Amino acid sequence: MQRFKDLKVWQRSHALVLSIYRQTADFPQQEHFGLVSQMRRAAVSVPSNIAEGTKRQRSTDFARFLNIAEGSLAEVEYLLMLSRDLGYIAAESADQLLAEVEQIARMLHALRSKVHKDA
């Protein structure tokens, strides 16, 4: 398997993490140990699981880590929607992030399908 940093899906998910950190910096103080922490941890889980999965010996293990990344990405999607609906993120910013989440989800699914097929 190639280095995780060379995978486009890792690059985009890493960029998403950076964007989420920037967006959540201005959330209300009372949300910093709740919503902010949960969203950041879920976002970081996506590229982290991609990276860890690339070091697994078997393709089935890599596919499992990609599936975990997909689950974390779905959590990020919901938390972004919640943040938008609570008025913590402007609708336009949230929609841009949600569009990126959708693209990353497609990329993850395609990669997992390929890795699983090769197993």
N, C-alpha and C. Protein backbone atom coordinates (compact mmCIF):
# COMPACT_ATOMS: atom_id res chain seq x y z
N MET A 1 0.85 -1.19 0.00
CA MET A 1 0.00 0.00 0.00
C MET A 1 0.89 1.24 0.00
N GLN A 2 0.41 2.29 -0.60
CA GLN A 2 1.17 3.54 -0.65
C GLN A 2 1.14 4.27 0.69
N ARG A 3 1.98 5.25 0.83
CA ARG A 3 2.01 6.06 2.04
C ARG A 3 0.67 6.78 2.19
N PHE A 4 0.18 6.85 3.41
CA PHE A 4 -1.13 7.45 3.63
C PHE A 4 -1.16 8.90 3.17
N LYS A 5 -0.04 9.61 3.30
CA LYS A 5 -0.01 11.03 2.91
C LYS A 5 -0.21 11.22 1.41
N ASP A 6 0.01 10.16 0.63
CA ASP A 6 -0.17 10.24 -0.82
C ASP A 6 -1.62 9.99 -1.24
N LEU A 7 -2.44 9.49 -0.34
CA LEU A 7 -3.84 9.21 -0.67
C LEU A 7 -4.65 10.51 -0.68
N LYS A 8 -5.33 10.77 -1.78
CA LYS A 8 -6.15 11.99 -1.90
C LYS A 8 -7.22 12.05 -0.81
N VAL A 9 -7.79 10.91 -0.47
CA VAL A 9 -8.84 10.90 0.56
C VAL A 9 -8.25 11.28 1.92
N TRP A 10 -7.03 10.89 2.19
CA TRP A 10 -6.38 11.32 3.45
C TRP A 10 -6.12 12.82 3.40
N GLN A 11 -5.62 13.32 2.29
CA GLN A 11 -5.31 14.75 2.17
C GLN A 11 -6.57 15.60 2.39
N ARG A 12 -7.66 15.17 1.78
CA ARG A 12 -8.91 15.94 1.91
C ARG A 12 -9.50 15.83 3.30
N SER A 13 -9.38 14.65 3.91
CA SER A 13 -9.91 14.51 5.27
C SER A 13 -9.06 15.28 6.27
N HIS A 14 -7.75 15.35 6.03
CA HIS A 14 -6.89 16.17 6.88
C HIS A 14 -7.27 17.66 6.75
N ALA A 15 -7.50 18.11 5.53
CA ALA A 15 -7.92 19.50 5.30
C ALA A 15 -9.26 19.77 5.99
N LEU A 16 -10.15 18.78 5.99
CA LEU A 16 -11.44 18.93 6.67
C LEU A 16 -11.23 19.13 8.17
N VAL A 17 -10.32 18.37 8.76
CA VAL A 17 -10.01 18.52 10.18
C VAL A 17 -9.57 19.95 10.47
N LEU A 18 -8.66 20.46 9.66
CA LEU A 18 -8.18 21.83 9.86
C LEU A 18 -9.32 22.84 9.78
N SER A 19 -10.22 22.65 8.81
CA SER A 19 -11.37 23.55 8.66
C SER A 19 -12.29 23.47 9.88
N ILE A 20 -12.51 22.28 10.37
CA ILE A 20 -13.39 22.11 11.53
C ILE A 20 -12.77 22.75 12.77
N TYR A 21 -11.48 22.61 12.94
CA TYR A 21 -10.82 23.27 14.07
C TYR A 21 -11.01 24.79 13.98
N ARG A 22 -10.85 25.34 12.78
CA ARG A 22 -11.02 26.78 12.62
C ARG A 22 -12.48 27.20 12.90
N GLN A 23 -13.43 26.44 12.35
CA GLN A 23 -14.85 26.79 12.51
C GLN A 23 -15.30 26.68 13.96
N THR A 24 -14.80 25.72 14.69
CA THR A 24 -15.28 25.50 16.06
C THR A 24 -14.57 26.39 17.09
N ALA A 25 -13.55 27.10 16.67
CA ALA A 25 -12.81 27.96 17.60
C ALA A 25 -13.70 29.04 18.21
N ASP A 26 -14.71 29.47 17.50
CA ASP A 26 -15.58 30.55 17.98
C ASP A 26 -16.91 30.06 18.55
N PHE A 27 -17.03 28.77 18.78
CA PHE A 27 -18.26 28.25 19.38
C PHE A 27 -18.39 28.80 20.80
N PRO A 28 -19.61 28.83 21.33
CA PRO A 28 -19.79 29.30 22.71
C PRO A 28 -18.93 28.47 23.68
N GLN A 29 -18.45 29.13 24.71
CA GLN A 29 -17.56 28.48 25.68
C GLN A 29 -18.19 27.22 26.27
N GLN A 30 -19.49 27.24 26.52
CA GLN A 30 -20.15 26.09 27.14
C GLN A 30 -20.15 24.85 26.23
N GLU A 31 -19.84 25.02 24.96
CA GLU A 31 -19.80 23.89 24.02
C GLU A 31 -18.39 23.32 23.83
N HIS A 32 -17.39 23.93 24.43
CA HIS A 32 -16.02 23.48 24.18
C HIS A 32 -15.73 22.08 24.71
N PHE A 33 -16.40 21.67 25.77
CA PHE A 33 -16.18 20.32 26.29
C PHE A 33 -17.26 19.35 25.81
N GLY A 34 -18.19 19.85 25.03
CA GLY A 34 -19.25 19.01 24.51
C GLY A 34 -19.15 18.87 23.00
N LEU A 35 -19.90 19.70 22.33
CA LEU A 35 -20.02 19.63 20.87
C LEU A 35 -18.68 19.84 20.17
N VAL A 36 -17.90 20.81 20.60
CA VAL A 36 -16.62 21.09 19.95
C VAL A 36 -15.69 19.89 20.08
N SER A 37 -15.56 19.37 21.29
CA SER A 37 -14.69 18.23 21.53
C SER A 37 -15.13 17.02 20.73
N GLN A 38 -16.42 16.75 20.72
CA GLN A 38 -16.95 15.59 20.00
C GLN A 38 -16.71 15.72 18.50
N MET A 39 -16.96 16.90 17.94
CA MET A 39 -16.78 17.09 16.50
C MET A 39 -15.32 16.98 16.11
N ARG A 40 -14.45 17.59 16.90
CA ARG A 40 -13.02 17.52 16.59
C ARG A 40 -12.50 16.10 16.68
N ARG A 41 -12.91 15.36 17.71
CA ARG A 41 -12.45 13.97 17.83
C ARG A 41 -12.95 13.11 16.68
N ALA A 42 -14.20 13.29 16.29
CA ALA A 42 -14.75 12.52 15.18
C ALA A 42 -14.03 12.87 13.88
N ALA A 43 -13.75 14.16 13.67
CA ALA A 43 -13.06 14.59 12.45
C ALA A 43 -11.64 14.02 12.40
N VAL A 44 -10.92 14.09 13.52
CA VAL A 44 -9.55 13.57 13.57
C VAL A 44 -9.53 12.06 13.35
N SER A 45 -10.58 11.39 13.75
CA SER A 45 -10.65 9.94 13.58
C SER A 45 -10.61 9.51 12.12
N VAL A 46 -11.11 10.35 11.23
CA VAL A 46 -11.16 9.97 9.81
C VAL A 46 -9.76 9.80 9.23
N PRO A 47 -8.92 10.83 9.18
CA PRO A 47 -7.58 10.62 8.62
C PRO A 47 -6.72 9.71 9.49
N SER A 48 -6.98 9.66 10.79
CA SER A 48 -6.21 8.78 11.66
C SER A 48 -6.44 7.32 11.31
N ASN A 49 -7.70 6.96 11.07
CA ASN A 49 -8.00 5.57 10.72
C ASN A 49 -7.50 5.21 9.33
N ILE A 50 -7.52 6.17 8.43
CA ILE A 50 -6.95 5.92 7.10
C ILE A 50 -5.46 5.64 7.25
N ALA A 51 -4.77 6.48 8.02
CA ALA A 51 -3.33 6.31 8.21
C ALA A 51 -3.02 4.97 8.87
N GLU A 52 -3.73 4.66 9.94
CA GLU A 52 -3.47 3.40 10.63
C GLU A 52 -3.76 2.20 9.74
N GLY A 53 -4.82 2.28 8.98
CA GLY A 53 -5.19 1.17 8.10
C GLY A 53 -4.16 0.86 7.04
N THR A 54 -3.46 1.89 6.56
CA THR A 54 -2.46 1.65 5.52
C THR A 54 -1.30 0.80 6.01
N LYS A 55 -1.12 0.71 7.31
CA LYS A 55 -0.01 -0.06 7.87
C LYS A 55 -0.41 -1.48 8.25
N ARG A 56 -1.63 -1.84 8.00
CA ARG A 56 -2.09 -3.20 8.29
C ARG A 56 -1.62 -4.15 7.19
N GLN A 57 -1.29 -5.35 7.59
CA GLN A 57 -0.74 -6.33 6.65
C GLN A 57 -1.79 -6.86 5.67
N ARG A 58 -3.01 -7.03 6.17
CA ARG A 58 -4.05 -7.64 5.32
C ARG A 58 -5.02 -6.58 4.81
N SER A 59 -5.46 -6.78 3.59
CA SER A 59 -6.42 -5.86 2.97
C SER A 59 -7.72 -5.81 3.75
N THR A 60 -8.14 -6.93 4.31
CA THR A 60 -9.39 -6.93 5.08
C THR A 60 -9.27 -6.02 6.30
N ASP A 61 -8.10 -5.97 6.92
CA ASP A 61 -7.89 -5.08 8.06
C ASP A 61 -7.93 -3.62 7.61
N PHE A 62 -7.30 -3.32 6.48
CA PHE A 62 -7.33 -1.97 5.95
C PHE A 62 -8.77 -1.55 5.65
N ALA A 63 -9.53 -2.44 5.04
CA ALA A 63 -10.93 -2.15 4.73
C ALA A 63 -11.72 -1.87 6.01
N ARG A 64 -11.43 -2.59 7.08
CA ARG A 64 -12.12 -2.37 8.36
C ARG A 64 -11.82 -0.97 8.90
N PHE A 65 -10.56 -0.54 8.80
CA PHE A 65 -10.21 0.81 9.26
C PHE A 65 -10.87 1.88 8.39
N LEU A 66 -10.98 1.62 7.11
CA LEU A 66 -11.68 2.56 6.23
C LEU A 66 -13.15 2.65 6.61
N ASN A 67 -13.75 1.53 6.99
CA ASN A 67 -15.13 1.52 7.42
C ASN A 67 -15.31 2.31 8.72
N ILE A 68 -14.36 2.21 9.62
CA ILE A 68 -14.41 3.01 10.85
C ILE A 68 -14.32 4.49 10.50
N ALA A 69 -13.46 4.84 9.54
CA ALA A 69 -13.35 6.23 9.09
C ALA A 69 -14.68 6.71 8.52
N GLU A 70 -15.36 5.84 7.78
CA GLU A 70 -16.67 6.20 7.24
C GLU A 70 -17.67 6.50 8.35
N GLY A 71 -17.65 5.69 9.40
CA GLY A 71 -18.54 5.93 10.54
C GLY A 71 -18.25 7.25 11.22
N SER A 72 -16.98 7.53 11.41
CA SER A 72 -16.60 8.81 12.03
C SER A 72 -17.01 9.98 11.16
N LEU A 73 -16.89 9.83 9.86
CA LEU A 73 -17.28 10.89 8.94
C LEU A 73 -18.79 11.14 8.99
N ALA A 74 -19.57 10.08 9.14
CA ALA A 74 -21.02 10.25 9.29
C ALA A 74 -21.33 11.01 10.58
N GLU A 75 -20.57 10.75 11.63
CA GLU A 75 -20.75 11.48 12.89
C GLU A 75 -20.44 12.97 12.68
N VAL A 76 -19.36 13.26 11.96
CA VAL A 76 -19.01 14.65 11.65
C VAL A 76 -20.15 15.31 10.88
N GLU A 77 -20.70 14.60 9.93
CA GLU A 77 -21.80 15.15 9.13
C GLU A 77 -22.96 15.58 10.03
N TYR A 78 -23.36 14.70 10.93
CA TYR A 78 -24.47 15.05 11.82
C TYR A 78 -24.11 16.23 12.73
N LEU A 79 -22.90 16.22 13.28
CA LEU A 79 -22.51 17.28 14.20
C LEU A 79 -22.42 18.64 13.49
N LEU A 80 -22.03 18.63 12.22
CA LEU A 80 -22.06 19.87 11.44
C LEU A 80 -23.49 20.36 11.23
N MET A 81 -24.39 19.42 10.93
CA MET A 81 -25.80 19.79 10.76
C MET A 81 -26.36 20.37 12.06
N LEU A 82 -26.05 19.74 13.18
CA LEU A 82 -26.51 20.21 14.47
C LEU A 82 -25.95 21.61 14.76
N SER A 83 -24.67 21.79 14.50
CA SER A 83 -24.03 23.10 14.74
C SER A 83 -24.67 24.19 13.89
N ARG A 84 -24.98 23.86 12.64
CA ARG A 84 -25.67 24.81 11.76
C ARG A 84 -27.05 25.14 12.32
N ASP A 85 -27.79 24.10 12.71
CA ASP A 85 -29.16 24.31 13.18
C ASP A 85 -29.21 25.06 14.51
N LEU A 86 -28.15 24.95 15.30
CA LEU A 86 -28.06 25.70 16.56
C LEU A 86 -27.55 27.12 16.35
N GLY A 87 -27.11 27.42 15.12
CA GLY A 87 -26.62 28.76 14.80
C GLY A 87 -25.17 28.99 15.17
N TYR A 88 -24.42 27.92 15.44
CA TYR A 88 -23.01 28.05 15.79
C TYR A 88 -22.12 28.19 14.56
N ILE A 89 -22.58 27.67 13.44
CA ILE A 89 -21.87 27.79 12.16
C ILE A 89 -22.84 28.41 11.17
N ALA A 90 -22.37 29.38 10.41
CA ALA A 90 -23.21 30.00 9.38
C ALA A 90 -23.63 28.93 8.38
N ALA A 91 -24.84 29.05 7.90
CA ALA A 91 -25.40 28.05 6.98
C ALA A 91 -24.49 27.85 5.77
N GLU A 92 -23.98 28.93 5.20
CA GLU A 92 -23.12 28.81 4.01
C GLU A 92 -21.85 28.04 4.33
N SER A 93 -21.23 28.32 5.44
CA SER A 93 -20.01 27.60 5.84
C SER A 93 -20.31 26.13 6.10
N ALA A 94 -21.40 25.88 6.79
CA ALA A 94 -21.79 24.50 7.08
C ALA A 94 -22.06 23.73 5.79
N ASP A 95 -22.74 24.37 4.85
CA ASP A 95 -23.05 23.70 3.59
C ASP A 95 -21.79 23.37 2.81
N GLN A 96 -20.80 24.24 2.85
CA GLN A 96 -19.53 23.95 2.18
C GLN A 96 -18.83 22.76 2.83
N LEU A 97 -18.82 22.74 4.16
CA LEU A 97 -18.20 21.63 4.88
C LEU A 97 -18.97 20.33 4.62
N LEU A 98 -20.29 20.42 4.60
CA LEU A 98 -21.10 19.22 4.35
C LEU A 98 -20.90 18.69 2.93
N ALA A 99 -20.69 19.58 1.98
CA ALA A 99 -20.40 19.14 0.61
C ALA A 99 -19.06 18.43 0.57
N GLU A 100 -18.09 18.92 1.31
CA GLU A 100 -16.79 18.26 1.37
C GLU A 100 -16.91 16.91 2.06
N VAL A 101 -17.70 16.83 3.11
CA VAL A 101 -17.94 15.55 3.79
C VAL A 101 -18.51 14.54 2.81
N GLU A 102 -19.45 14.98 1.99
CA GLU A 102 -20.08 14.08 1.01
C GLU A 102 -19.04 13.56 0.01
N GLN A 103 -18.17 14.42 -0.46
CA GLN A 103 -17.13 14.00 -1.41
C GLN A 103 -16.15 13.02 -0.76
N ILE A 104 -15.75 13.31 0.46
CA ILE A 104 -14.84 12.42 1.17
C ILE A 104 -15.52 11.07 1.41
N ALA A 105 -16.80 11.09 1.73
CA ALA A 105 -17.54 9.84 1.95
C ALA A 105 -17.54 8.98 0.69
N ARG A 106 -17.73 9.60 -0.45
CA ARG A 106 -17.68 8.86 -1.72
C ARG A 106 -16.30 8.27 -1.97
N MET A 107 -15.29 9.07 -1.70
CA MET A 107 -13.91 8.60 -1.89
C MET A 107 -13.59 7.43 -0.96
N LEU A 108 -14.00 7.54 0.30
CA LEU A 108 -13.76 6.47 1.26
C LEU A 108 -14.47 5.19 0.84
N HIS A 109 -15.72 5.33 0.42
CA HIS A 109 -16.48 4.16 -0.01
C HIS A 109 -15.81 3.48 -1.20
N ALA A 110 -15.39 4.28 -2.16
CA ALA A 110 -14.73 3.71 -3.35
C ALA A 110 -13.43 3.01 -2.98
N LEU A 111 -12.65 3.63 -2.11
CA LEU A 111 -11.39 3.00 -1.70
C LEU A 111 -11.65 1.73 -0.91
N ARG A 112 -12.61 1.76 0.02
CA ARG A 112 -12.93 0.56 0.79
C ARG A 112 -13.41 -0.56 -0.13
N SER A 113 -14.24 -0.23 -1.09
CA SER A 113 -14.74 -1.25 -2.04
C SER A 113 -13.59 -1.87 -2.83
N LYS A 114 -12.64 -1.05 -3.25
CA LYS A 114 -11.48 -1.55 -4.01
C LYS A 114 -10.60 -2.43 -3.12
N VAL A 115 -10.32 -1.95 -1.92
CA VAL A 115 -9.47 -2.71 -1.00
C VAL A 115 -10.13 -4.04 -0.64
N HIS A 116 -11.43 -4.00 -0.38
CA HIS A 116 -12.16 -5.23 -0.04
C HIS A 116 -12.19 -6.22 -1.20
N LYS A 117 -12.33 -5.68 -2.40
CA LYS A 117 -12.34 -6.53 -3.59
C LYS A 117 -10.99 -7.22 -3.81
N ASP A 118 -9.91 -6.48 -3.49
CA ASP A 118 -8.57 -7.01 -3.66
C ASP A 118 -8.19 -8.03 -2.58
N ALA A 119 -9.00 -8.09 -1.53
CA ALA A 119 -8.66 -8.95 -0.38
C ALA A 119 -8.72 -10.42 -0.70
